C-alpha atoms as a PDB file:
ATOM      1  CA  MET A   1      79.070 -25.706 -32.720  1.00  0.00           C
ATOM      2  CA  THR A   2      78.810 -23.093 -29.973  1.00  0.00           C
ATOM      3  CA  HIS A   3      76.154 -23.989 -27.440  1.00  0.00           C
ATOM      4  CA  ILE A   4      73.445 -21.388 -26.864  1.00  0.00           C
ATOM      5  CA  ASP A   5      71.544 -21.572 -23.583  1.00  0.00           C
ATOM      6  CA  LYS A   6      67.830 -21.374 -24.406  1.00  0.00           C
ATOM      7  CA  VAL A   7      64.650 -20.986 -22.389  1.00  0.00           C
ATOM      8  CA  VAL A   8      62.513 -24.002 -23.276  1.00  0.00           C
ATOM      9  CA  LEU A   9      58.859 -24.363 -22.278  1.00  0.00           C
ATOM     10  CA  ILE A  10      57.425 -27.895 -22.253  1.00  0.00           C
ATOM     11  CA  THR A  11      53.744 -28.774 -21.918  1.00  0.00           C
ATOM     12  CA  GLY A  12      52.680 -32.194 -20.679  1.00  0.00           C
ATOM     13  CA  ALA A  13      55.989 -32.381 -18.829  1.00  0.00           C
ATOM     14  CA  SER A  14      54.895 -34.593 -15.936  1.00  0.00           C
ATOM     15  CA  SER A  15      55.522 -37.924 -17.675  1.00  0.00           C
ATOM     16  CA  GLY A  16      56.549 -39.722 -20.848  1.00  0.00           C
ATOM     17  CA  ILE A  17      57.998 -37.711 -23.710  1.00  0.00           C
ATOM     18  CA  GLY A  18      57.595 -34.398 -21.890  1.00  0.00           C
ATOM     19  CA  GLU A  19      59.507 -35.621 -18.861  1.00  0.00           C
ATOM     20  CA  ALA A  20      62.236 -37.158 -21.026  1.00  0.00           C
ATOM     21  CA  ALA A  21      62.548 -33.987 -23.098  1.00  0.00           C
ATOM     22  CA  ALA A  22      62.898 -31.921 -19.920  1.00  0.00           C
ATOM     23  CA  HIS A  23      65.749 -34.136 -18.722  1.00  0.00           C
ATOM     24  CA  ARG A  24      67.534 -34.131 -22.077  1.00  0.00           C
ATOM     25  CA  LEU A  25      67.220 -30.399 -22.749  1.00  0.00           C
ATOM     26  CA  ALA A  26      68.268 -29.497 -19.203  1.00  0.00           C
ATOM     27  CA  ALA A  27      71.271 -31.809 -19.554  1.00  0.00           C
ATOM     28  CA  ASP A  28      72.133 -29.927 -22.744  1.00  0.00           C
ATOM     29  CA  GLY A  29      72.330 -26.746 -20.684  1.00  0.00           C
ATOM     30  CA  HIS A  30      68.958 -25.192 -21.445  1.00  0.00           C
ATOM     31  CA  ARG A  31      66.647 -23.697 -18.835  1.00  0.00           C
ATOM     32  CA  VAL A  32      63.396 -25.666 -18.840  1.00  0.00           C
ATOM     33  CA  PHE A  33      60.003 -24.406 -17.712  1.00  0.00           C
ATOM     34  CA  LEU A  34      57.669 -27.311 -17.073  1.00  0.00           C
ATOM     35  CA  GLY A  35      53.888 -27.318 -17.372  1.00  0.00           C
ATOM     36  CA  ALA A  36      51.249 -29.965 -16.593  1.00  0.00           C
ATOM     37  CA  ARG A  37      48.278 -30.475 -14.298  1.00  0.00           C
ATOM     38  CA  ARG A  38      50.081 -32.857 -11.914  1.00  0.00           C
ATOM     39  CA  THR A  39      52.204 -30.398  -9.969  1.00  0.00           C
ATOM     40  CA  ASP A  40      53.489 -33.046  -7.563  1.00  0.00           C
ATOM     41  CA  ARG A  41      55.245 -34.733 -10.482  1.00  0.00           C
ATOM     42  CA  LEU A  42      56.490 -31.422 -11.850  1.00  0.00           C
ATOM     43  CA  GLU A  43      57.964 -30.515  -8.477  1.00  0.00           C
ATOM     44  CA  GLU A  44      59.728 -33.855  -8.238  1.00  0.00           C
ATOM     45  CA  LEU A  45      61.041 -33.575 -11.818  1.00  0.00           C
ATOM     46  CA  ALA A  46      62.295 -30.018 -11.339  1.00  0.00           C
ATOM     47  CA  GLY A  47      64.003 -31.135  -8.152  1.00  0.00           C
ATOM     48  CA  ARG A  48      65.792 -33.981  -9.909  1.00  0.00           C
ATOM     49  CA  ILE A  49      66.934 -31.723 -12.740  1.00  0.00           C
ATOM     50  CA  THR A  50      68.236 -29.150 -10.271  1.00  0.00           C
ATOM     51  CA  ALA A  51      70.033 -31.829  -8.251  1.00  0.00           C
ATOM     52  CA  GLU A  52      71.732 -32.970 -11.445  1.00  0.00           C
ATOM     53  CA  GLY A  53      73.021 -29.448 -12.076  1.00  0.00           C
ATOM     54  CA  GLY A  54      70.327 -28.263 -14.465  1.00  0.00           C
ATOM     55  CA  THR A  55      67.957 -25.316 -14.300  1.00  0.00           C
ATOM     56  CA  ALA A  56      64.226 -25.964 -14.065  1.00  0.00           C
ATOM     57  CA  ALA A  57      61.050 -24.341 -12.819  1.00  0.00           C
ATOM     58  CA  PHE A  58      57.416 -25.324 -13.150  1.00  0.00           C
ATOM     59  CA  ARG A  59      53.835 -24.072 -13.140  1.00  0.00           C
ATOM     60  CA  ARG A  60      50.527 -25.877 -13.171  1.00  0.00           C
ATOM     61  CA  LEU A  61      49.118 -25.823 -16.680  1.00  0.00           C
ATOM     62  CA  ASP A  62      45.868 -26.824 -18.373  1.00  0.00           C
ATOM     63  CA  VAL A  63      46.445 -26.448 -22.112  1.00  0.00           C
ATOM     64  CA  THR A  64      42.703 -26.428 -22.802  1.00  0.00           C
ATOM     65  CA  ASP A  65      42.471 -23.066 -21.004  1.00  0.00           C
ATOM     66  CA  ALA A  66      43.839 -20.301 -23.255  1.00  0.00           C
ATOM     67  CA  ALA A  67      44.249 -17.862 -20.359  1.00  0.00           C
ATOM     68  CA  ASP A  68      46.188 -20.454 -18.374  1.00  0.00           C
ATOM     69  CA  VAL A  69      48.553 -21.039 -21.303  1.00  0.00           C
ATOM     70  CA  ARG A  70      49.129 -17.294 -21.653  1.00  0.00           C
ATOM     71  CA  ALA A  71      49.934 -17.113 -17.945  1.00  0.00           C
ATOM     72  CA  PHE A  72      52.331 -20.056 -18.308  1.00  0.00           C
ATOM     73  CA  VAL A  73      54.240 -18.369 -21.118  1.00  0.00           C
ATOM     74  CA  SER A  74      54.246 -15.032 -19.296  1.00  0.00           C
ATOM     75  CA  ALA A  75      55.599 -16.648 -16.138  1.00  0.00           C
ATOM     76  CA  ALA A  76      58.533 -18.130 -18.044  1.00  0.00           C
ATOM     77  CA  ALA A  77      59.261 -14.830 -19.791  1.00  0.00           C
ATOM     78  CA  GLU A  78      59.130 -12.935 -16.493  1.00  0.00           C
ATOM     79  CA  ARG A  79      61.426 -15.448 -14.827  1.00  0.00           C
ATOM     80  CA  TRP A  80      64.118 -15.692 -17.491  1.00  0.00           C
ATOM     81  CA  GLY A  81      63.435 -12.779 -19.837  1.00  0.00           C
ATOM     82  CA  ARG A  82      62.846 -14.851 -22.982  1.00  0.00           C
ATOM     83  CA  VAL A  83      60.870 -17.676 -24.546  1.00  0.00           C
ATOM     84  CA  ASP A  84      63.148 -19.352 -27.059  1.00  0.00           C
ATOM     85  CA  VAL A  85      61.444 -22.716 -27.559  1.00  0.00           C
ATOM     86  CA  LEU A  86      57.920 -23.995 -26.945  1.00  0.00           C
ATOM     87  CA  VAL A  87      57.498 -27.778 -26.997  1.00  0.00           C
ATOM     88  CA  ASN A  88      53.778 -28.456 -27.443  1.00  0.00           C
ATOM     89  CA  ASN A  89      53.764 -31.983 -26.067  1.00  0.00           C
ATOM     90  CA  ALA A  90      50.555 -32.358 -24.032  1.00  0.00           C
ATOM     91  CA  GLY A  91      48.236 -34.936 -25.555  1.00  0.00           C
ATOM     92  CA  VAL A  92      45.620 -37.598 -24.851  1.00  0.00           C
ATOM     93  CA  MET A  93      44.724 -40.788 -26.732  1.00  0.00           C
ATOM     94  CA  PRO A  94      41.462 -42.442 -25.586  1.00  0.00           C
ATOM     95  CA  LEU A  95      41.037 -44.629 -28.676  1.00  0.00           C
ATOM     96  CA  SER A  96      37.725 -46.234 -29.638  1.00  0.00           C
ATOM     97  CA  PRO A  97      35.775 -47.188 -32.772  1.00  0.00           C
ATOM     98  CA  LEU A  98      33.675 -44.342 -34.123  1.00  0.00           C
ATOM     99  CA  ALA A  99      30.598 -46.530 -33.709  1.00  0.00           C
ATOM    100  CA  ALA A 100      31.159 -46.509 -29.947  1.00  0.00           C
ATOM    101  CA  LEU A 101      30.072 -42.846 -30.052  1.00  0.00           C
ATOM    102  CA  ARG A 102      32.345 -41.739 -27.231  1.00  0.00           C
ATOM    103  CA  VAL A 103      31.721 -38.086 -28.030  1.00  0.00           C
ATOM    104  CA  ASP A 104      33.109 -36.821 -24.721  1.00  0.00           C
ATOM    105  CA  GLU A 105      36.418 -38.542 -25.489  1.00  0.00           C
ATOM    106  CA  TRP A 106      36.452 -37.104 -29.015  1.00  0.00           C
ATOM    107  CA  ASP A 107      35.937 -33.638 -27.582  1.00  0.00           C
ATOM    108  CA  ARG A 108      38.716 -34.172 -25.053  1.00  0.00           C
ATOM    109  CA  MET A 109      41.171 -35.142 -27.789  1.00  0.00           C
ATOM    110  CA  ILE A 110      40.243 -32.081 -29.836  1.00  0.00           C
ATOM    111  CA  ASP A 111      40.538 -29.835 -26.788  1.00  0.00           C
ATOM    112  CA  VAL A 112      43.966 -31.091 -25.701  1.00  0.00           C
ATOM    113  CA  ASN A 113      45.605 -32.215 -28.934  1.00  0.00           C
ATOM    114  CA  VAL A 114      44.439 -29.385 -31.223  1.00  0.00           C
ATOM    115  CA  ARG A 115      43.239 -26.468 -29.129  1.00  0.00           C
ATOM    116  CA  GLY A 116      46.105 -27.036 -26.715  1.00  0.00           C
ATOM    117  CA  VAL A 117      48.618 -26.586 -29.536  1.00  0.00           C
ATOM    118  CA  LEU A 118      46.802 -23.512 -30.833  1.00  0.00           C
ATOM    119  CA  HIS A 119      46.727 -22.014 -27.342  1.00  0.00           C
ATOM    120  CA  GLY A 120      50.469 -22.555 -27.076  1.00  0.00           C
ATOM    121  CA  VAL A 121      51.143 -20.902 -30.414  1.00  0.00           C
ATOM    122  CA  ALA A 122      48.840 -17.984 -29.590  1.00  0.00           C
ATOM    123  CA  ALA A 123      50.619 -17.392 -26.284  1.00  0.00           C
ATOM    124  CA  ALA A 124      54.211 -17.825 -27.423  1.00  0.00           C
ATOM    125  CA  LEU A 125      54.209 -16.342 -30.914  1.00  0.00           C
ATOM    126  CA  PRO A 126      53.819 -12.671 -29.879  1.00  0.00           C
ATOM    127  CA  VAL A 127      56.676 -13.046 -27.373  1.00  0.00           C
ATOM    128  CA  MET A 128      58.918 -14.698 -29.950  1.00  0.00           C
ATOM    129  CA  ARG A 129      58.176 -12.023 -32.540  1.00  0.00           C
ATOM    130  CA  ARG A 130      58.926  -9.215 -30.092  1.00  0.00           C
ATOM    131  CA  GLN A 131      62.283 -10.722 -29.196  1.00  0.00           C
ATOM    132  CA  GLY A 132      63.164 -11.393 -32.828  1.00  0.00           C
ATOM    133  CA  GLY A 133      62.944 -15.165 -33.013  1.00  0.00           C
ATOM    134  CA  GLY A 134      61.909 -18.451 -31.500  1.00  0.00           C
ATOM    135  CA  HIS A 135      61.157 -22.096 -32.162  1.00  0.00           C
ATOM    136  CA  VAL A 136      57.892 -24.027 -31.916  1.00  0.00           C
ATOM    137  CA  VAL A 137      58.236 -27.807 -31.611  1.00  0.00           C
ATOM    138  CA  ASN A 138      54.948 -29.681 -31.940  1.00  0.00           C
ATOM    139  CA  ILE A 139      54.766 -33.327 -30.919  1.00  0.00           C
ATOM    140  CA  ALA A 140      52.516 -35.128 -33.379  1.00  0.00           C
ATOM    141  CA  SER A 141      52.531 -38.882 -34.100  1.00  0.00           C
ATOM    142  CA  VAL A 142      52.868 -41.398 -36.893  1.00  0.00           C
ATOM    143  CA  GLY A 143      49.098 -40.965 -36.689  1.00  0.00           C
ATOM    144  CA  ALA A 144      49.663 -37.658 -38.479  1.00  0.00           C
ATOM    145  CA  TYR A 145      50.524 -39.703 -41.598  1.00  0.00           C
ATOM    146  CA  GLU A 146      48.205 -42.708 -41.403  1.00  0.00           C
ATOM    147  CA  VAL A 147      44.871 -43.790 -39.972  1.00  0.00           C
ATOM    148  CA  VAL A 148      44.158 -47.102 -38.226  1.00  0.00           C
ATOM    149  CA  PRO A 149      40.943 -48.568 -36.763  1.00  0.00           C
ATOM    150  CA  THR A 150      39.892 -47.121 -33.381  1.00  0.00           C
ATOM    151  CA  ALA A 151      42.238 -44.147 -33.922  1.00  0.00           C
ATOM    152  CA  ALA A 152      40.245 -42.045 -36.404  1.00  0.00           C
ATOM    153  CA  VAL A 153      39.712 -39.072 -34.112  1.00  0.00           C
ATOM    154  CA  TYR A 154      43.185 -39.275 -32.566  1.00  0.00           C
ATOM    155  CA  CYS A 155      44.751 -39.388 -36.034  1.00  0.00           C
ATOM    156  CA  ALA A 156      42.551 -36.484 -37.132  1.00  0.00           C
ATOM    157  CA  THR A 157      43.938 -34.386 -34.283  1.00  0.00           C
ATOM    158  CA  LYS A 158      47.500 -35.286 -35.225  1.00  0.00           C
ATOM    159  CA  PHE A 159      46.887 -34.573 -38.918  1.00  0.00           C
ATOM    160  CA  ALA A 160      45.684 -31.180 -37.667  1.00  0.00           C
ATOM    161  CA  VAL A 161      48.873 -30.627 -35.662  1.00  0.00           C
ATOM    162  CA  ARG A 162      50.936 -31.358 -38.755  1.00  0.00           C
ATOM    163  CA  ALA A 163      48.810 -29.025 -40.902  1.00  0.00           C
ATOM    164  CA  LEU A 164      48.950 -26.211 -38.345  1.00  0.00           C
ATOM    165  CA  SER A 165      52.707 -26.596 -38.088  1.00  0.00           C
ATOM    166  CA  GLU A 166      53.147 -26.387 -41.848  1.00  0.00           C
ATOM    167  CA  GLY A 167      50.923 -23.308 -41.979  1.00  0.00           C
ATOM    168  CA  LEU A 168      52.950 -21.626 -39.251  1.00  0.00           C
ATOM    169  CA  ARG A 169      56.181 -22.481 -41.069  1.00  0.00           C
ATOM    170  CA  GLN A 170      54.935 -20.995 -44.324  1.00  0.00           C
ATOM    171  CA  GLU A 171      53.738 -17.828 -42.603  1.00  0.00           C
ATOM    172  CA  SER A 172      57.035 -17.282 -40.795  1.00  0.00           C
ATOM    173  CA  ASP A 173      59.697 -14.953 -42.158  1.00  0.00           C
ATOM    174  CA  GLY A 174      62.340 -17.409 -40.988  1.00  0.00           C
ATOM    175  CA  SER A 175      62.818 -15.944 -37.534  1.00  0.00           C
ATOM    176  CA  ILE A 176      60.312 -18.436 -36.091  1.00  0.00           C
ATOM    177  CA  ARG A 177      61.391 -22.006 -36.694  1.00  0.00           C
ATOM    178  CA  VAL A 178      58.815 -24.808 -36.680  1.00  0.00           C
ATOM    179  CA  SER A 179      59.438 -28.511 -36.098  1.00  0.00           C
ATOM    180  CA  VAL A 180      57.072 -31.470 -35.969  1.00  0.00           C
ATOM    181  CA  VAL A 181      58.342 -34.552 -34.141  1.00  0.00           C
ATOM    182  CA  SER A 182      56.184 -37.605 -34.810  1.00  0.00           C
ATOM    183  CA  PRO A 183      56.757 -40.603 -32.557  1.00  0.00           C
ATOM    184  CA  GLY A 184      55.872 -44.143 -33.451  1.00  0.00           C
ATOM    185  CA  VAL A 185      55.019 -46.517 -30.616  1.00  0.00           C
ATOM    186  CA  THR A 186      56.642 -45.025 -27.531  1.00  0.00           C
ATOM    187  CA  GLU A 187      56.595 -45.920 -23.862  1.00  0.00           C
ATOM    188  CA  SER A 188      54.222 -43.471 -22.189  1.00  0.00           C
ATOM    189  CA  GLU A 189      51.019 -43.191 -20.179  1.00  0.00           C
ATOM    190  CA  LEU A 190      48.919 -42.289 -23.231  1.00  0.00           C
ATOM    191  CA  ALA A 191      47.357 -45.720 -23.477  1.00  0.00           C
ATOM    192  CA  ASP A 192      46.148 -45.494 -19.868  1.00  0.00           C
ATOM    193  CA  SER A 193      43.327 -43.213 -21.034  1.00  0.00           C
ATOM    194  CA  ILE A 194      41.805 -45.866 -23.325  1.00  0.00           C
ATOM    195  CA  SER A 195      38.473 -46.950 -21.868  1.00  0.00           C
ATOM    196  CA  ASP A 196      37.157 -48.924 -24.848  1.00  0.00           C
ATOM    197  CA  PRO A 197      37.829 -52.668 -24.275  1.00  0.00           C
ATOM    198  CA  ARG A 198      38.591 -53.486 -27.923  1.00  0.00           C
ATOM    199  CA  ALA A 199      40.937 -50.551 -28.380  1.00  0.00           C
ATOM    200  CA  ARG A 200      42.699 -51.287 -25.092  1.00  0.00           C
ATOM    201  CA  GLU A 201      43.312 -54.907 -26.119  1.00  0.00           C
ATOM    202  CA  ASP A 202      44.520 -53.900 -29.599  1.00  0.00           C
ATOM    203  CA  MET A 203      46.922 -51.418 -28.044  1.00  0.00           C
ATOM    204  CA  LYS A 204      48.608 -54.161 -25.991  1.00  0.00           C
ATOM    205  CA  THR A 205      49.631 -55.880 -29.218  1.00  0.00           C
ATOM    206  CA  TYR A 206      50.473 -52.613 -30.985  1.00  0.00           C
ATOM    207  CA  ARG A 207      52.758 -51.547 -28.140  1.00  0.00           C
ATOM    208  CA  SER A 208      54.583 -54.869 -27.781  1.00  0.00           C
ATOM    209  CA  VAL A 209      57.661 -53.177 -29.254  1.00  0.00           C
ATOM    210  CA  ALA A 210      58.054 -49.574 -28.164  1.00  0.00           C
ATOM    211  CA  LEU A 211      60.679 -46.849 -28.156  1.00  0.00           C
ATOM    212  CA  PRO A 212      61.846 -45.352 -24.868  1.00  0.00           C
ATOM    213  CA  ALA A 213      60.652 -41.770 -24.385  1.00  0.00           C
ATOM    214  CA  SER A 214      64.313 -40.737 -24.413  1.00  0.00           C
ATOM    215  CA  ALA A 215      64.466 -41.548 -28.152  1.00  0.00           C
ATOM    216  CA  ILE A 216      61.865 -38.879 -28.853  1.00  0.00           C
ATOM    217  CA  ALA A 217      63.605 -36.481 -26.487  1.00  0.00           C
ATOM    218  CA  ASP A 218      66.764 -36.968 -28.564  1.00  0.00           C
ATOM    219  CA  ALA A 219      64.843 -35.959 -31.696  1.00  0.00           C
ATOM    220  CA  VAL A 220      63.522 -32.828 -29.990  1.00  0.00           C
ATOM    221  CA  ALA A 221      67.023 -31.962 -28.786  1.00  0.00           C
ATOM    222  CA  PHE A 222      68.401 -32.406 -32.318  1.00  0.00           C
ATOM    223  CA  ALA A 223      65.857 -29.983 -33.788  1.00  0.00           C
ATOM    224  CA  VAL A 224      66.437 -27.446 -31.018  1.00  0.00           C
ATOM    225  CA  SER A 225      70.229 -27.634 -31.353  1.00  0.00           C
ATOM    226  CA  ARG A 226      70.424 -26.698 -35.052  1.00  0.00           C
ATOM    227  CA  PRO A 227      72.070 -23.325 -35.745  1.00  0.00           C
ATOM    228  CA  ALA A 228      70.118 -20.236 -36.760  1.00  0.00           C
ATOM    229  CA  GLY A 229      69.041 -20.534 -40.371  1.00  0.00           C
ATOM    230  CA  VAL A 230      68.503 -24.292 -40.174  1.00  0.00           C
ATOM    231  CA  ASP A 231      64.867 -25.288 -39.718  1.00  0.00           C
ATOM    232  CA  VAL A 232      64.267 -29.003 -39.133  1.00  0.00           C
ATOM    233  CA  ASN A 233      60.606 -29.286 -40.099  1.00  0.00           C
ATOM    234  CA  GLU A 234      59.622 -32.936 -39.673  1.00  0.00           C
ATOM    235  CA  ILE A 235      61.133 -35.887 -37.838  1.00  0.00           C
ATOM    236  CA  VAL A 236      59.418 -39.292 -37.722  1.00  0.00           C
ATOM    237  CA  VAL A 237      60.841 -41.744 -35.169  1.00  0.00           C
ATOM    238  CA  ARG A 238      59.750 -45.390 -35.168  1.00  0.00           C
ATOM    239  CA  PRO A 239      61.003 -48.586 -33.555  1.00  0.00           C
ATOM    240  CA  ALA A 240      63.331 -50.327 -35.975  1.00  0.00           C
ATOM    241  CA  GLY A 241      61.427 -52.733 -38.180  1.00  0.00           C
ATOM    242  CA  SER A 242      58.028 -51.276 -37.299  1.00  0.00           C
ATOM    243  CA  ALA A 243      55.360 -51.650 -39.957  1.00  0.00           C
ATOM    244  CA  GLN A 244      53.455 -48.613 -38.640  1.00  0.00           C
END
């Protein structure tokens, strides 16, 4: 297969799956544009990619701010002339039982995990349509297929990501490809946001066997690398032998 250099935008690129995807896609020869709130990490990551022979740039990004996401997409388009792939990866996971009534945390998950994806689509889709094609890769979760205690709101946001992705796929004329990559337990900083004691303790057991973030990056790279006309819609990646 002939390699095509693409401009790939990645949200939540400062750690975990986003960081791993940036490394993998840059190694594959794509130009990566990195977004997250922690610009010190983005700067360090872009520097490492560049030192390894890749092409990377970055911009501070808050996916809950629609104007900021539009500016992020515009900056990438101005820099490299195109937006070929958007990886909507930014997410938070402050798990807790519904009875704990942590409404602020619920709102945060909705803002980042759902509105953040919608903001990305709203910013990138017009650019992709004008240039005649593009690819939206949304990072969901096995929580987009099942619900477990303490994760009701988190799973609801990931069910939403899966539904939005399917709607976008159905509305596309084929020029815009849509992929959902759903990780099982993966090494990341997501669990660091859990403030509920019960949920934090449960997560220690749940995450006793976890995939490296690079495994999810490989799945993203596979979807991105398919030739025109091939649309990989859903990939679920779990640790071998996982019951969840």
